[in-house]
Structure formats: C-alpha cells, structure tokens
Amino acid sequence: MEIPPDQATKLQAIADGLNRAIQRNPREVFLIEGHTDAVGSDTDNLSLSDRRAESAATLLTQQFGVPAENLTSQGYGKQYLKSRPTGRAPSTAASPSAASRPLLNGGQASLPPPPPGTAPPR
C-alpha cells in the first residue's frame, strides 16, 4: 500500500510512540479506530470503517514495526461520527481516522468513553 509522504511522517510518529509504550509495558494493547461520515448505508459505513481500522493496524505492523499482538482494530461506521456532513460531495466527506488508546489497563478491559453528545452502544 502506497502512503503519501505527509501521512507516512504522521504514522511514523504514531508508531514510534506506540513502540515506546510497548517497550515500557509489553502487555499494552492499543485500539485502532476506523470512522466514516454519514453518507451511505449503515452496513456499508460499518464495513468501510472496519477496513480503515484494519488497514491502519496492518500498516503500523508491516511498515512501521509495531507488533501485531499489541494492536486491535474496530470500525464504528456512523455510530461515532468525527464530523457532520456539510454538503460536500460524498467522495470528499469521508476521511480515515485512526486513534490509538490503551485498551487494557492492568489486565482490566477499559474502553474509551464515547465522544461528547453521543450515547454509548447498547
């Protein structure tokens, strides 16, 4: 997969931070999140966001040396929108977002809180 130079620099910085955290605690697991916009069906957006998260995790592992066992990925589809549609064309409204946060804390699962203004999944 070809990565634009500006994105490669950002991913390298993320990978460096993840690798430092993993060196301090080899059991640390990070969640890579995928998001979409509100255009399209729920099923298509969930599938797209899953693929985005998995692609980001794969790049971090294959091209930046982050151990795969320290990453997990999750797509959220339209569930937690990063931005609201603003009348832009659908082809420019979606942009991938990967966020990494510690997933496990001392052996206890800890999910990130939902974004402000959204209800957690049931």
PDB file of N, CA and C in Angstrom:
ATOM      1  N   MET A   1       0.849  -1.179   0.000  1.00  0.00           N
ATOM      2  CA  MET A   1       0.000   0.000   0.000  1.00  0.00           C
ATOM      3  C   MET A   1       0.892   1.238   0.000  1.00  0.00           C
ATOM      4  N   GLU A   2       0.611   2.160  -0.887  1.00  0.00           N
ATOM      5  CA  GLU A   2       1.380   3.396  -1.007  1.00  0.00           C
ATOM      6  C   GLU A   2       0.848   4.426  -0.002  1.00  0.00           C
ATOM      7  N   ILE A   3       1.765   5.018   0.753  1.00  0.00           N
ATOM      8  CA  ILE A   3       1.397   6.030   1.751  1.00  0.00           C
ATOM      9  C   ILE A   3       1.970   7.365   1.307  1.00  0.00           C
ATOM     10  N   PRO A   4       1.132   8.413   1.209  1.00  0.00           N
ATOM     11  CA  PRO A   4       1.670   9.735   0.873  1.00  0.00           C
ATOM     12  C   PRO A   4       2.716  10.151   1.914  1.00  0.00           C
ATOM     13  N   PRO A   5       3.773  10.856   1.495  1.00  0.00           N
ATOM     14  CA  PRO A   5       4.851  11.224   2.421  1.00  0.00           C
ATOM     15  C   PRO A   5       4.378  11.935   3.689  1.00  0.00           C
ATOM     16  N   ASP A   6       3.392  12.845   3.573  1.00  0.00           N
ATOM     17  CA  ASP A   6       2.932  13.554   4.771  1.00  0.00           C
ATOM     18  C   ASP A   6       2.243  12.598   5.752  1.00  0.00           C
ATOM     19  N   GLN A   7       1.548  11.598   5.221  1.00  0.00           N
ATOM     20  CA  GLN A   7       0.895  10.609   6.081  1.00  0.00           C
ATOM     21  C   GLN A   7       1.910   9.635   6.664  1.00  0.00           C
ATOM     22  N   ALA A   8       2.936   9.289   5.902  1.00  0.00           N
ATOM     23  CA  ALA A   8       3.980   8.388   6.399  1.00  0.00           C
ATOM     24  C   ALA A   8       4.681   9.008   7.599  1.00  0.00           C
ATOM     25  N   THR A   9       4.929  10.312   7.538  1.00  0.00           N
ATOM     26  CA  THR A   9       5.573  11.006   8.652  1.00  0.00           C
ATOM     27  C   THR A   9       4.695  10.944   9.894  1.00  0.00           C
ATOM     28  N   LYS A  10       3.395  11.156   9.720  1.00  0.00           N
ATOM     29  CA  LYS A  10       2.463  11.095  10.859  1.00  0.00           C
ATOM     30  C   LYS A  10       2.393   9.676  11.420  1.00  0.00           C
ATOM     31  N   LEU A  11       2.305   8.682  10.540  1.00  0.00           N
ATOM     32  CA  LEU A  11       2.248   7.299  11.002  1.00  0.00           C
ATOM     33  C   LEU A  11       3.541   6.886  11.694  1.00  0.00           C
ATOM     34  N   GLN A  12       4.682   7.379  11.222  1.00  0.00           N
ATOM     35  CA  GLN A  12       5.949   7.064  11.885  1.00  0.00           C
ATOM     36  C   GLN A  12       5.955   7.604  13.306  1.00  0.00           C
ATOM     37  N   ALA A  13       5.453   8.813  13.489  1.00  0.00           N
ATOM     38  CA  ALA A  13       5.394   9.402  14.833  1.00  0.00           C
ATOM     39  C   ALA A  13       4.472   8.592  15.745  1.00  0.00           C
ATOM     40  N   ILE A  14       3.337   8.158  15.206  1.00  0.00           N
ATOM     41  CA  ILE A  14       2.405   7.325  15.990  1.00  0.00           C
ATOM     42  C   ILE A  14       3.077   5.997  16.333  1.00  0.00           C
ATOM     43  N   ALA A  15       3.698   5.363  15.338  1.00  0.00           N
ATOM     44  CA  ALA A  15       4.363   4.078  15.558  1.00  0.00           C
ATOM     45  C   ALA A  15       5.481   4.204  16.594  1.00  0.00           C
ATOM     46  N   ASP A  16       6.249   5.279  16.519  1.00  0.00           N
ATOM     47  CA  ASP A  16       7.326   5.487  17.498  1.00  0.00           C
ATOM     48  C   ASP A  16       6.758   5.570  18.909  1.00  0.00           C
ATOM     49  N   GLY A  17       5.662   6.304  19.068  1.00  0.00           N
ATOM     50  CA  GLY A  17       5.022   6.415  20.382  1.00  0.00           C
ATOM     51  C   GLY A  17       4.479   5.084  20.870  1.00  0.00           C
ATOM     52  N   LEU A  18       3.835   4.343  19.968  1.00  0.00           N
ATOM     53  CA  LEU A  18       3.316   3.027  20.341  1.00  0.00           C
ATOM     54  C   LEU A  18       4.447   2.098  20.746  1.00  0.00           C
ATOM     55  N   ASN A  19       5.523   2.076  19.963  1.00  0.00           N
ATOM     56  CA  ASN A  19       6.648   1.196  20.267  1.00  0.00           C
ATOM     57  C   ASN A  19       7.318   1.562  21.594  1.00  0.00           C
ATOM     58  N   ARG A  20       7.397   2.861  21.910  1.00  0.00           N
ATOM     59  CA  ARG A  20       7.952   3.264  23.213  1.00  0.00           C
ATOM     60  C   ARG A  20       7.067   2.760  24.349  1.00  0.00           C
ATOM     61  N   ALA A  21       5.747   2.911  24.189  1.00  0.00           N
ATOM     62  CA  ALA A  21       4.820   2.439  25.219  1.00  0.00           C
ATOM     63  C   ALA A  21       4.908   0.921  25.381  1.00  0.00           C
ATOM     64  N   ILE A  22       5.058   0.214  24.271  1.00  0.00           N
ATOM     65  CA  ILE A  22       5.160  -1.250  24.310  1.00  0.00           C
ATOM     66  C   ILE A  22       6.478  -1.684  24.950  1.00  0.00           C
ATOM     67  N   GLN A  23       7.538  -0.925  24.733  1.00  0.00           N
ATOM     68  CA  GLN A  23       8.810  -1.240  25.400  1.00  0.00           C
ATOM     69  C   GLN A  23       8.660  -1.115  26.915  1.00  0.00           C
ATOM     70  N   ARG A  24       7.930  -0.104  27.368  1.00  0.00           N
ATOM     71  CA  ARG A  24       7.705   0.087  28.803  1.00  0.00           C
ATOM     72  C   ARG A  24       6.803  -0.997  29.373  1.00  0.00           C
ATOM     73  N   ASN A  25       5.799  -1.414  28.583  1.00  0.00           N
ATOM     74  CA  ASN A  25       4.847  -2.426  29.032  1.00  0.00           C
ATOM     75  C   ASN A  25       4.473  -3.311  27.846  1.00  0.00           C
ATOM     76  N   PRO A  26       5.179  -4.435  27.679  1.00  0.00           N
ATOM     77  CA  PRO A  26       4.945  -5.310  26.526  1.00  0.00           C
ATOM     78  C   PRO A  26       3.527  -5.887  26.451  1.00  0.00           C
ATOM     79  N   ARG A  27       2.765  -5.793  27.522  1.00  0.00           N
ATOM     80  CA  ARG A  27       1.391  -6.311  27.517  1.00  0.00           C
ATOM     81  C   ARG A  27       0.372  -5.249  27.095  1.00  0.00           C
ATOM     82  N   GLU A  28       0.833  -4.037  26.838  1.00  0.00           N
ATOM     83  CA  GLU A  28      -0.058  -2.944  26.429  1.00  0.00           C
ATOM     84  C   GLU A  28      -0.709  -3.278  25.099  1.00  0.00           C
ATOM     85  N   VAL A  29      -2.018  -3.023  24.985  1.00  0.00           N
ATOM     86  CA  VAL A  29      -2.759  -3.245  23.742  1.00  0.00           C
ATOM     87  C   VAL A  29      -3.440  -1.929  23.371  1.00  0.00           C
ATOM     88  N   PHE A  30      -3.318  -1.558  22.098  1.00  0.00           N
ATOM     89  CA  PHE A  30      -3.888  -0.298  21.625  1.00  0.00           C
ATOM     90  C   PHE A  30      -5.017  -0.559  20.637  1.00  0.00           C
ATOM     91  N   LEU A  31      -6.046   0.242  20.745  1.00  0.00           N
ATOM     92  CA  LEU A  31      -7.209   0.161  19.864  1.00  0.00           C
ATOM     93  C   LEU A  31      -7.034   1.139  18.718  1.00  0.00           C
ATOM     94  N   ILE A  32      -7.115   0.631  17.489  1.00  0.00           N
ATOM     95  CA  ILE A  32      -7.075   1.466  16.287  1.00  0.00           C
ATOM     96  C   ILE A  32      -8.520   1.586  15.814  1.00  0.00           C
ATOM     97  N   GLU A  33      -9.026   2.804  15.779  1.00  0.00           N
ATOM     98  CA  GLU A  33     -10.426   3.049  15.427  1.00  0.00           C
ATOM     99  C   GLU A  33     -10.567   3.502  13.981  1.00  0.00           C
ATOM    100  N   GLY A  34     -11.641   3.041  13.332  1.00  0.00           N
ATOM    101  CA  GLY A  34     -11.979   3.490  11.984  1.00  0.00           C
ATOM    102  C   GLY A  34     -13.324   4.194  12.023  1.00  0.00           C
ATOM    103  N   HIS A  35     -13.434   5.290  11.291  1.00  0.00           N
ATOM    104  CA  HIS A  35     -14.672   6.078  11.250  1.00  0.00           C
ATOM    105  C   HIS A  35     -15.052   6.391   9.812  1.00  0.00           C
ATOM    106  N   THR A  36     -16.294   6.798   9.618  1.00  0.00           N
ATOM    107  CA  THR A  36     -16.785   7.233   8.308  1.00  0.00           C
ATOM    108  C   THR A  36     -17.613   8.491   8.496  1.00  0.00           C
ATOM    109  N   ASP A  37     -18.241   8.927   7.418  1.00  0.00           N
ATOM    110  CA  ASP A  37     -19.196  10.023   7.504  1.00  0.00           C
ATOM    111  C   ASP A  37     -20.598   9.417   7.549  1.00  0.00           C
ATOM    112  N   ALA A  38     -21.617  10.231   7.397  1.00  0.00           N
ATOM    113  CA  ALA A  38     -22.995   9.754   7.487  1.00  0.00           C
ATOM    114  C   ALA A  38     -23.597   9.450   6.124  1.00  0.00           C
ATOM    115  N   VAL A  39     -22.808   9.495   5.055  1.00  0.00           N
ATOM    116  CA  VAL A  39     -23.307   9.230   3.711  1.00  0.00           C
ATOM    117  C   VAL A  39     -23.277   7.725   3.461  1.00  0.00           C
ATOM    118  N   GLY A  40     -24.352   7.174   2.934  1.00  0.00           N
ATOM    119  CA  GLY A  40     -24.385   5.745   2.630  1.00  0.00           C
ATOM    120  C   GLY A  40     -25.125   4.951   3.693  1.00  0.00           C
ATOM    121  N   SER A  41     -25.212   3.651   3.438  1.00  0.00           N
ATOM    122  CA  SER A  41     -25.969   2.785   4.341  1.00  0.00           C
ATOM    123  C   SER A  41     -25.147   2.462   5.591  1.00  0.00           C
ATOM    124  N   ASP A  42     -25.855   2.073   6.652  1.00  0.00           N
ATOM    125  CA  ASP A  42     -25.191   1.684   7.894  1.00  0.00           C
ATOM    126  C   ASP A  42     -24.224   0.526   7.644  1.00  0.00           C
ATOM    127  N   THR A  43     -24.663  -0.469   6.883  1.00  0.00           N
ATOM    128  CA  THR A  43     -23.844  -1.645   6.616  1.00  0.00           C
ATOM    129  C   THR A  43     -22.572  -1.271   5.860  1.00  0.00           C
ATOM    130  N   ASP A  44     -22.712  -0.455   4.813  1.00  0.00           N
ATOM    131  CA  ASP A  44     -21.545  -0.048   4.031  1.00  0.00           C
ATOM    132  C   ASP A  44     -20.565   0.769   4.874  1.00  0.00           C
ATOM    133  N   ASN A  45     -21.081   1.675   5.703  1.00  0.00           N
ATOM    134  CA  ASN A  45     -20.213   2.507   6.522  1.00  0.00           C
ATOM    135  C   ASN A  45     -19.501   1.689   7.595  1.00  0.00           C
ATOM    136  N   LEU A  46     -20.186   0.715   8.175  1.00  0.00           N
ATOM    137  CA  LEU A  46     -19.536  -0.130   9.170  1.00  0.00           C
ATOM    138  C   LEU A  46     -18.424  -0.955   8.528  1.00  0.00           C
ATOM    139  N   SER A  47     -18.701  -1.503   7.353  1.00  0.00           N
ATOM    140  CA  SER A  47     -17.691  -2.277   6.635  1.00  0.00           C
ATOM    141  C   SER A  47     -16.490  -1.401   6.271  1.00  0.00           C
ATOM    142  N   LEU A  48     -16.753  -0.200   5.766  1.00  0.00           N
ATOM    143  CA  LEU A  48     -15.677   0.722   5.394  1.00  0.00           C
ATOM    144  C   LEU A  48     -14.846   1.099   6.606  1.00  0.00           C
ATOM    145  N   SER A  49     -15.490   1.413   7.713  1.00  0.00           N
ATOM    146  CA  SER A  49     -14.738   1.821   8.902  1.00  0.00           C
ATOM    147  C   SER A  49     -13.915   0.654   9.458  1.00  0.00           C
ATOM    148  N   ASP A  50     -14.453  -0.568   9.378  1.00  0.00           N
ATOM    149  CA  ASP A  50     -13.678  -1.747   9.791  1.00  0.00           C
ATOM    150  C   ASP A  50     -12.431  -1.896   8.920  1.00  0.00           C
ATOM    151  N   ARG A  51     -12.590  -1.741   7.612  1.00  0.00           N
ATOM    152  CA  ARG A  51     -11.448  -1.869   6.691  1.00  0.00           C
ATOM    153  C   ARG A  51     -10.411  -0.774   6.955  1.00  0.00           C
ATOM    154  N   ARG A  52     -10.873   0.440   7.233  1.00  0.00           N
ATOM    155  CA  ARG A  52      -9.945   1.532   7.526  1.00  0.00           C
ATOM    156  C   ARG A  52      -9.125   1.231   8.780  1.00  0.00           C
ATOM    157  N   ALA A  53      -9.790   0.790   9.820  1.00  0.00           N
ATOM    158  CA  ALA A  53      -9.080   0.484  11.062  1.00  0.00           C
ATOM    159  C   ALA A  53      -8.092  -0.655  10.852  1.00  0.00           C
ATOM    160  N   GLU A  54      -8.516  -1.694  10.157  1.00  0.00           N
ATOM    161  CA  GLU A  54      -7.635  -2.845   9.897  1.00  0.00           C
ATOM    162  C   GLU A  54      -6.451  -2.435   9.022  1.00  0.00           C
ATOM    163  N   SER A  55      -6.695  -1.597   8.026  1.00  0.00           N
ATOM    164  CA  SER A  55      -5.600  -1.120   7.163  1.00  0.00           C
ATOM    165  C   SER A  55      -4.575  -0.322   7.957  1.00  0.00           C
ATOM    166  N   ALA A  56      -5.039   0.537   8.838  1.00  0.00           N
ATOM    167  CA  ALA A  56      -4.118   1.333   9.657  1.00  0.00           C
ATOM    168  C   ALA A  56      -3.294   0.417  10.561  1.00  0.00           C
ATOM    169  N   ALA A  57      -3.941  -0.570  11.186  1.00  0.00           N
ATOM    170  CA  ALA A  57      -3.220  -1.506  12.049  1.00  0.00           C
ATOM    171  C   ALA A  57      -2.196  -2.310  11.241  1.00  0.00           C
ATOM    172  N   THR A  58      -2.578  -2.750  10.057  1.00  0.00           N
ATOM    173  CA  THR A  58      -1.665  -3.513   9.202  1.00  0.00           C
ATOM    174  C   THR A  58      -0.459  -2.665   8.794  1.00  0.00           C
ATOM    175  N   LEU A  59      -0.691  -1.414   8.413  1.00  0.00           N
ATOM    176  CA  LEU A  59       0.423  -0.521   8.063  1.00  0.00           C
ATOM    177  C   LEU A  59       1.358  -0.315   9.242  1.00  0.00           C
ATOM    178  N   LEU A  60       0.785  -0.088  10.431  1.00  0.00           N
ATOM    179  CA  LEU A  60       1.619   0.120  11.611  1.00  0.00           C
ATOM    180  C   LEU A  60       2.490  -1.103  11.886  1.00  0.00           C
ATOM    181  N   THR A  61       1.957  -2.285  11.613  1.00  0.00           N
ATOM    182  CA  THR A  61       2.711  -3.521  11.840  1.00  0.00           C
ATOM    183  C   THR A  61       3.726  -3.780  10.728  1.00  0.00           C
ATOM    184  N   GLN A  62       3.264  -3.782   9.494  1.00  0.00           N
ATOM    185  CA  GLN A  62       4.122  -4.194   8.378  1.00  0.00           C
ATOM    186  C   GLN A  62       5.164  -3.154   7.984  1.00  0.00           C
ATOM    187  N   GLN A  63       4.818  -1.888   8.058  1.00  0.00           N
ATOM    188  CA  GLN A  63       5.751  -0.869   7.568  1.00  0.00           C
ATOM    189  C   GLN A  63       6.430  -0.067   8.671  1.00  0.00           C
ATOM    190  N   PHE A  64       5.903  -0.155   9.895  1.00  0.00           N
ATOM    191  CA  PHE A  64       6.456   0.661  10.972  1.00  0.00           C
ATOM    192  C   PHE A  64       6.860  -0.147  12.197  1.00  0.00           C
ATOM    193  N   GLY A  65       6.761  -1.487  12.114  1.00  0.00           N
ATOM    194  CA  GLY A  65       7.310  -2.343  13.153  1.00  0.00           C
ATOM    195  C   GLY A  65       6.556  -2.437  14.464  1.00  0.00           C
ATOM    196  N   VAL A  66       5.309  -2.021  14.509  1.00  0.00           N
ATOM    197  CA  VAL A  66       4.525  -2.173  15.741  1.00  0.00           C
ATOM    198  C   VAL A  66       4.045  -3.624  15.811  1.00  0.00           C
ATOM    199  N   PRO A  67       4.307  -4.333  16.915  1.00  0.00           N
ATOM    200  CA  PRO A  67       3.897  -5.734  16.999  1.00  0.00           C
ATOM    201  C   PRO A  67       2.373  -5.894  16.867  1.00  0.00           C
ATOM    202  N   ALA A  68       1.960  -6.804  15.994  1.00  0.00           N
ATOM    203  CA  ALA A  68       0.530  -7.027  15.752  1.00  0.00           C
ATOM    204  C   ALA A  68      -0.206  -7.425  17.018  1.00  0.00           C
ATOM    205  N   GLU A  69       0.467  -8.159  17.915  1.00  0.00           N
ATOM    206  CA  GLU A  69      -0.207  -8.607  19.132  1.00  0.00           C
ATOM    207  C   GLU A  69      -0.515  -7.463  20.096  1.00  0.00           C
ATOM    208  N   ASN A  70       0.027  -6.277  19.827  1.00  0.00           N
ATOM    209  CA  ASN A  70      -0.243  -5.116  20.667  1.00  0.00           C
ATOM    210  C   ASN A  70      -1.278  -4.177  20.053  1.00  0.00           C
ATOM    211  N   LEU A  71      -1.897  -4.615  18.964  1.00  0.00           N
ATOM    212  CA  LEU A  71      -2.911  -3.783  18.299  1.00  0.00           C
ATOM    213  C   LEU A  71      -4.199  -4.570  18.128  1.00  0.00           C
ATOM    214  N   THR A  72      -5.299  -3.869  18.224  1.00  0.00           N
ATOM    215  CA  THR A  72      -6.594  -4.411  17.852  1.00  0.00           C
ATOM    216  C   THR A  72      -7.324  -3.297  17.116  1.00  0.00           C
ATOM    217  N   SER A  73      -8.259  -3.652  16.263  1.00  0.00           N
ATOM    218  CA  SER A  73      -8.932  -2.618  15.475  1.00  0.00           C
ATOM    219  C   SER A  73     -10.441  -2.755  15.598  1.00  0.00           C
ATOM    220  N   GLN A  74     -11.123  -1.625  15.414  1.00  0.00           N
ATOM    221  CA  GLN A  74     -12.585  -1.587  15.493  1.00  0.00           C
ATOM    222  C   GLN A  74     -13.100  -0.480  14.594  1.00  0.00           C
ATOM    223  N   GLY A  75     -14.060  -0.806  13.752  1.00  0.00           N
ATOM    224  CA  GLY A  75     -14.733   0.207  12.942  1.00  0.00           C
ATOM    225  C   GLY A  75     -16.043   0.587  13.608  1.00  0.00           C
ATOM    226  N   TYR A  76     -16.405   1.854  13.511  1.00  0.00           N
ATOM    227  CA  TYR A  76     -17.622   2.342  14.149  1.00  0.00           C
ATOM    228  C   TYR A  76     -18.696   2.793  13.170  1.00  0.00           C
ATOM    229  N   GLY A  77     -18.405   2.800  11.870  1.00  0.00           N
ATOM    230  CA  GLY A  77     -19.411   3.233  10.907  1.00  0.00           C
ATOM    231  C   GLY A  77     -19.913   4.622  11.239  1.00  0.00           C
ATOM    232  N   LYS A  78     -21.233   4.782  11.203  1.00  0.00           N
ATOM    233  CA  LYS A  78     -21.853   6.068  11.515  1.00  0.00           C
ATOM    234  C   LYS A  78     -22.053   6.275  13.018  1.00  0.00           C
ATOM    235  N   GLN A  79     -21.734   5.259  13.813  1.00  0.00           N
ATOM    236  CA  GLN A  79     -22.047   5.290  15.242  1.00  0.00           C
ATOM    237  C   GLN A  79     -21.439   6.491  15.961  1.00  0.00           C
ATOM    238  N   TYR A  80     -20.165   6.756  15.744  1.00  0.00           N
ATOM    239  CA  TYR A  80     -19.488   7.880  16.385  1.00  0.00           C
ATOM    240  C   TYR A  80     -18.854   8.731  15.301  1.00  0.00           C
ATOM    241  N   LEU A  81     -19.615   9.631  14.740  1.00  0.00           N
ATOM    242  CA  LEU A  81     -19.123  10.469  13.648  1.00  0.00           C
ATOM    243  C   LEU A  81     -18.058  11.428  14.153  1.00  0.00           C
ATOM    244  N   LYS A  82     -16.982  11.569  13.385  1.00  0.00           N
ATOM    245  CA  LYS A  82     -15.940  12.530  13.702  1.00  0.00           C
ATOM    246  C   LYS A  82     -16.324  13.924  13.219  1.00  0.00           C
ATOM    247  N   SER A  83     -17.165  13.997  12.187  1.00  0.00           N
ATOM    248  CA  SER A  83     -17.650  15.282  11.703  1.00  0.00           C
ATOM    249  C   SER A  83     -18.995  15.055  11.051  1.00  0.00           C
ATOM    250  N   ARG A  84     -19.788  16.081  11.005  1.00  0.00           N
ATOM    251  CA  ARG A  84     -21.115  16.017  10.394  1.00  0.00           C
ATOM    252  C   ARG A  84     -21.027  16.407   8.928  1.00  0.00           C
ATOM    253  N   PRO A  85     -21.888  15.835   8.083  1.00  0.00           N
ATOM    254  CA  PRO A  85     -21.880  16.230   6.673  1.00  0.00           C
ATOM    255  C   PRO A  85     -22.127  17.729   6.536  1.00  0.00           C
ATOM    256  N   THR A  86     -21.418  18.360   5.598  1.00  0.00           N
ATOM    257  CA  THR A  86     -21.546  19.802   5.416  1.00  0.00           C
ATOM    258  C   THR A  86     -21.916  20.161   3.993  1.00  0.00           C
ATOM    259  N   GLY A  87     -22.511  19.224   3.272  1.00  0.00           N
ATOM    260  CA  GLY A  87     -22.883  19.500   1.906  1.00  0.00           C
ATOM    261  C   GLY A  87     -21.789  19.194   0.905  1.00  0.00           C
ATOM    262  N   ARG A  88     -20.661  18.686   1.384  1.00  0.00           N
ATOM    263  CA  ARG A  88     -19.592  18.307   0.467  1.00  0.00           C
ATOM    264  C   ARG A  88     -19.990  17.052  -0.295  1.00  0.00           C
ATOM    265  N   ALA A  89     -19.358  16.841  -1.402  1.00  0.00           N
ATOM    266  CA  ALA A  89     -19.601  15.627  -2.172  1.00  0.00           C
ATOM    267  C   ALA A  89     -19.196  14.415  -1.343  1.00  0.00           C
ATOM    268  N   PRO A  90     -19.929  13.306  -1.452  1.00  0.00           N
ATOM    269  CA  PRO A  90     -19.590  12.129  -0.659  1.00  0.00           C
ATOM    270  C   PRO A  90     -18.144  11.675  -0.818  1.00  0.00           C
ATOM    271  N   SER A  91     -17.557  11.877  -1.993  1.00  0.00           N
ATOM    272  CA  SER A  91     -16.184  11.415  -2.196  1.00  0.00           C
ATOM    273  C   SER A  91     -15.181  12.192  -1.362  1.00  0.00           C
ATOM    274  N   THR A  92     -15.520  13.406  -0.926  1.00  0.00           N
ATOM    275  CA  THR A  92     -14.588  14.183  -0.115  1.00  0.00           C
ATOM    276  C   THR A  92     -15.033  14.263   1.341  1.00  0.00           C
ATOM    277  N   ALA A  93     -16.214  13.769   1.643  1.00  0.00           N
ATOM    278  CA  ALA A  93     -16.715  13.891   3.009  1.00  0.00           C
ATOM    279  C   ALA A  93     -16.095  12.874   3.952  1.00  0.00           C
ATOM    280  N   ALA A  94     -15.675  11.746   3.425  1.00  0.00           N
ATOM    281  CA  ALA A  94     -15.111  10.708   4.289  1.00  0.00           C
ATOM    282  C   ALA A  94     -13.606  10.851   4.366  1.00  0.00           C
ATOM    283  N   SER A  95     -13.088  10.770   5.567  1.00  0.00           N
ATOM    284  CA  SER A  95     -11.639  10.741   5.721  1.00  0.00           C
ATOM    285  C   SER A  95     -11.310   9.761   6.826  1.00  0.00           C
ATOM    286  N   PRO A  96     -10.304   8.909   6.612  1.00  0.00           N
ATOM    287  CA  PRO A  96      -9.992   7.907   7.626  1.00  0.00           C
ATOM    288  C   PRO A  96      -9.429   8.547   8.882  1.00  0.00           C
ATOM    289  N   SER A  97      -9.735   7.955   9.985  1.00  0.00           N
ATOM    290  CA  SER A  97      -9.216   8.421  11.254  1.00  0.00           C
ATOM    291  C   SER A  97      -8.781   7.218  12.060  1.00  0.00           C
ATOM    292  N   ALA A  98      -7.582   7.229  12.546  1.00  0.00           N
ATOM    293  CA  ALA A  98      -7.118   6.158  13.418  1.00  0.00           C
ATOM    294  C   ALA A  98      -6.673   6.796  14.715  1.00  0.00           C
ATOM    295  N   ALA A  99      -7.229   6.330  15.783  1.00  0.00           N
ATOM    296  CA  ALA A  99      -6.837   6.829  17.091  1.00  0.00           C
ATOM    297  C   ALA A  99      -6.317   5.657  17.894  1.00  0.00           C
ATOM    298  N   SER A 100      -5.264   5.851  18.604  1.00  0.00           N
ATOM    299  CA  SER A 100      -4.761   4.763  19.436  1.00  0.00           C
ATOM    300  C   SER A 100      -4.874   5.171  20.892  1.00  0.00           C
ATOM    301  N   ARG A 101      -5.390   4.287  21.675  1.00  0.00           N
ATOM    302  CA  ARG A 101      -5.517   4.492  23.109  1.00  0.00           C
ATOM    303  C   ARG A 101      -5.216   3.167  23.787  1.00  0.00           C
ATOM    304  N   PRO A 102      -4.691   3.213  25.002  1.00  0.00           N
ATOM    305  CA  PRO A 102      -4.501   1.943  25.690  1.00  0.00           C
ATOM    306  C   PRO A 102      -5.847   1.234  25.844  1.00  0.00           C
ATOM    307  N   LEU A 103      -5.893  -0.038  25.492  1.00  0.00           N
ATOM    308  CA  LEU A 103      -7.134  -0.793  25.579  1.00  0.00           C
ATOM    309  C   LEU A 103      -7.208  -1.571  26.881  1.00  0.00           C
ATOM    310  N   LEU A 104      -6.085  -2.093  27.306  1.00  0.00           N
ATOM    311  CA  LEU A 104      -6.073  -2.857  28.545  1.00  0.00           C
ATOM    312  C   LEU A 104      -5.263  -2.097  29.579  1.00  0.00           C
ATOM    313  N   ASN A 105      -5.795  -2.025  30.767  1.00  0.00           N
ATOM    314  CA  ASN A 105      -5.145  -1.292  31.833  1.00  0.00           C
ATOM    315  C   ASN A 105      -5.009  -2.212  33.028  1.00  0.00           C
ATOM    316  N   GLY A 106      -3.823  -2.716  33.253  1.00  0.00           N
ATOM    317  CA  GLY A 106      -3.604  -3.609  34.383  1.00  0.00           C
ATOM    318  C   GLY A 106      -4.428  -4.873  34.304  1.00  0.00           C
ATOM    319  N   GLY A 107      -4.681  -5.366  33.094  1.00  0.00           N
ATOM    320  CA  GLY A 107      -5.460  -6.588  32.938  1.00  0.00           C
ATOM    321  C   GLY A 107      -6.954  -6.345  32.901  1.00  0.00           C
ATOM    322  N   GLN A 108      -7.389  -5.112  33.157  1.00  0.00           N
ATOM    323  CA  GLN A 108      -8.811  -4.793  33.139  1.00  0.00           C
ATOM    324  C   GLN A 108      -9.142  -4.119  31.808  1.00  0.00           C
ATOM    325  N   ALA A 109     -10.160  -4.642  31.137  1.00  0.00           N
ATOM    326  CA  ALA A 109     -10.565  -4.025  29.871  1.00  0.00           C
ATOM    327  C   ALA A 109     -11.050  -2.619  30.161  1.00  0.00           C
ATOM    328  N   SER A 110     -10.655  -1.684  29.319  1.00  0.00           N
ATOM    329  CA  SER A 110     -11.089  -0.314  29.505  1.00  0.00           C
ATOM    330  C   SER A 110     -11.345   0.295  28.141  1.00  0.00           C
ATOM    331  N   LEU A 111     -12.603   0.479  27.818  1.00  0.00           N
ATOM    332  CA  LEU A 111     -12.965   1.071  26.535  1.00  0.00           C
ATOM    333  C   LEU A 111     -12.968   2.577  26.661  1.00  0.00           C
ATOM    334  N   PRO A 112     -12.633   3.272  25.583  1.00  0.00           N
ATOM    335  CA  PRO A 112     -12.659   4.726  25.634  1.00  0.00           C
ATOM    336  C   PRO A 112     -14.099   5.211  25.768  1.00  0.00           C
ATOM    337  N   PRO A 113     -14.288   6.365  26.402  1.00  0.00           N
ATOM    338  CA  PRO A 113     -15.649   6.894  26.512  1.00  0.00           C
ATOM    339  C   PRO A 113     -16.150   7.324  25.142  1.00  0.00           C
ATOM    340  N   PRO A 114     -17.474   7.311  24.951  1.00  0.00           N
ATOM    341  CA  PRO A 114     -17.994   7.784  23.664  1.00  0.00           C
ATOM    342  C   PRO A 114     -17.754   9.271  23.508  1.00  0.00           C
ATOM    343  N   PRO A 115     -17.682   9.750  22.279  1.00  0.00           N
ATOM    344  CA  PRO A 115     -17.497  11.186  22.051  1.00  0.00           C
ATOM    345  C   PRO A 115     -18.639  11.984  22.687  1.00  0.00           C
ATOM    346  N   PRO A 116     -18.383  13.240  23.066  1.00  0.00           N
ATOM    347  CA  PRO A 116     -19.437  14.060  23.655  1.00  0.00           C
ATOM    348  C   PRO A 116     -20.660  14.154  22.742  1.00  0.00           C
ATOM    349  N   GLY A 117     -21.829  14.095  23.325  1.00  0.00           N
ATOM    350  CA  GLY A 117     -23.065  14.235  22.567  1.00  0.00           C
ATOM    351  C   GLY A 117     -23.553  12.963  21.935  1.00  0.00           C
ATOM    352  N   THR A 118     -22.917  11.822  22.231  1.00  0.00           N
ATOM    353  CA  THR A 118     -23.356  10.550  21.670  1.00  0.00           C
ATOM    354  C   THR A 118     -23.658   9.587  22.805  1.00  0.00           C
ATOM    355  N   ALA A 119     -24.542   8.673  22.535  1.00  0.00           N
ATOM    356  CA  ALA A 119     -24.881   7.660  23.532  1.00  0.00           C
ATOM    357  C   ALA A 119     -24.001   6.441  23.311  1.00  0.00           C
ATOM    358  N   PRO A 120     -23.584   5.776  24.397  1.00  0.00           N
ATOM    359  CA  PRO A 120     -22.780   4.559  24.201  1.00  0.00           C
ATOM    360  C   PRO A 120     -23.625   3.458  23.569  1.00  0.00           C
ATOM    361  N   PRO A 121     -22.986   2.505  22.891  1.00  0.00           N
ATOM    362  CA  PRO A 121     -23.738   1.399  22.288  1.00  0.00           C
ATOM    363  C   PRO A 121     -24.391   0.544  23.365  1.00  0.00           C
ATOM    364  N   ARG A 122     -25.502  -0.058  23.011  1.00  0.00           N
ATOM    365  CA  ARG A 122     -26.219  -0.928  23.963  1.00  0.00           C
ATOM    366  C   ARG A 122     -26.092  -2.349  23.569  1.00  0.00           C
TER     367      ARG A 122
END
